């Protein structure tokens, strides 16, 4: 009978020797992983079972507190919003940019501009967007644009803050409108409370018109340097142009006009009984100041917008690499068959890019689960709780004033458990792409 070949002792020795060398070379990496990954995870799990001082064992109480604390529940809700919205937006914007770069001649410059935010730290990006989202339109770029667009389509209030003198015969209603007691003769409507920069350059010295019907003048009852008589037209007093004036009878508006450059106005019709002149509240309302981007309602979407601005370049580069490897034969065949660009994009390009899109999406999910710095920098103190996320809540309860590292460790373990499934999915996809 043929005998089975025996392994040579030398080969077994070499195999054991190579295994030992492999372990020897991987030992530094294993030590680093143990010191930087395994030990912190194990210590966090152990620390989460103790109280804030770290001396009294409390079991799962920290986890129970994490699920019942209102602030933590807000952080969990915001994390759910982030996971649902941010990765999808980044992937979609990156896909659009990657497709567009194939259609334009200046693709290199476009890619450079889109990818440039990746070179900026999250701290710098947070500071930039904190300024972009400022409420004051003289500082915040977005609100400056919003105010410019709003003022282009909407009439602005003429003189915000203007009001009659204390004790004057003019009456101010609770809704902010100002009215004269009657519409007999020439109606004088003196106002104060306007800074010099609010008076238009076209304003002329106040002058009362003459003629039949109802007439009057709206003027600034103030003379630079002093002088003049209160409530009367005089030298140095400017008329207020562009003020909306209404003629009322009881509660009904009969006619509406606007003051001229010298503040005068005129209604040709004879006034009915009990008529009065009214300056509506819209003349004195505060000017439009834009959108409260960093208010409780919009702060989370605003921060997500900053996140998309930063990571869209990363998604564009990854998806662009996948797009470059697509077989061009299918695209050309579809064009020959008469398919439009939108049909090609929807039915051919996107399905073939599905594995790449999935990798980008899952990577963004892992990333947003750990989002911290953008929220901490952009969200102002009063609304930081409304924009809170788990990573920020972990830091706040552990080091940001809470000084409860037991609860913070419990939150870190929960955050790890939420991230692990996405990490496992990403690793499986990478292994699948290799095979």
Foldseek 3Di string as FASTA:
>chain_A
DDDDDDDDPVVVVVVVVVVVVVCVVCVVVVVCCCVPPVVVLVVLVVLLQAWLVSPHGNGCVLVVCLVPPPLNVLQVVLLVVCLVPLLVLLLVLLLVLLVVLVVDPPSVVSLCVLQVLLVPDLQVLLVVLLQCLDLALVGHVQLVVVQVVCVVPDPAALFAQKDADPPDQWDADPQGKIKHQAQPDEDEAEIEGGDPVSADPLWDQADWDDDPAGKYFYWHQDAVVDDDDGRDRDPRITTGWFFKKFKDDPHDTDDIDTAHRRRMDGDRDHHDPSIIMMRDNSNHHDTDRGDNCQDLPNNSVSLSVSVSSNSSSVSNVQLSVQQVPDDCVVVVVCVVVPDDPVCCCVPPVCVSSVLSSLLSSLVSSLVSLQDDSSLVSNRDPVNSSSNHHLNNVLCCCCPVPVSISSSSSSSVSVSVVVNVVSVVVNVVSVVVVVD
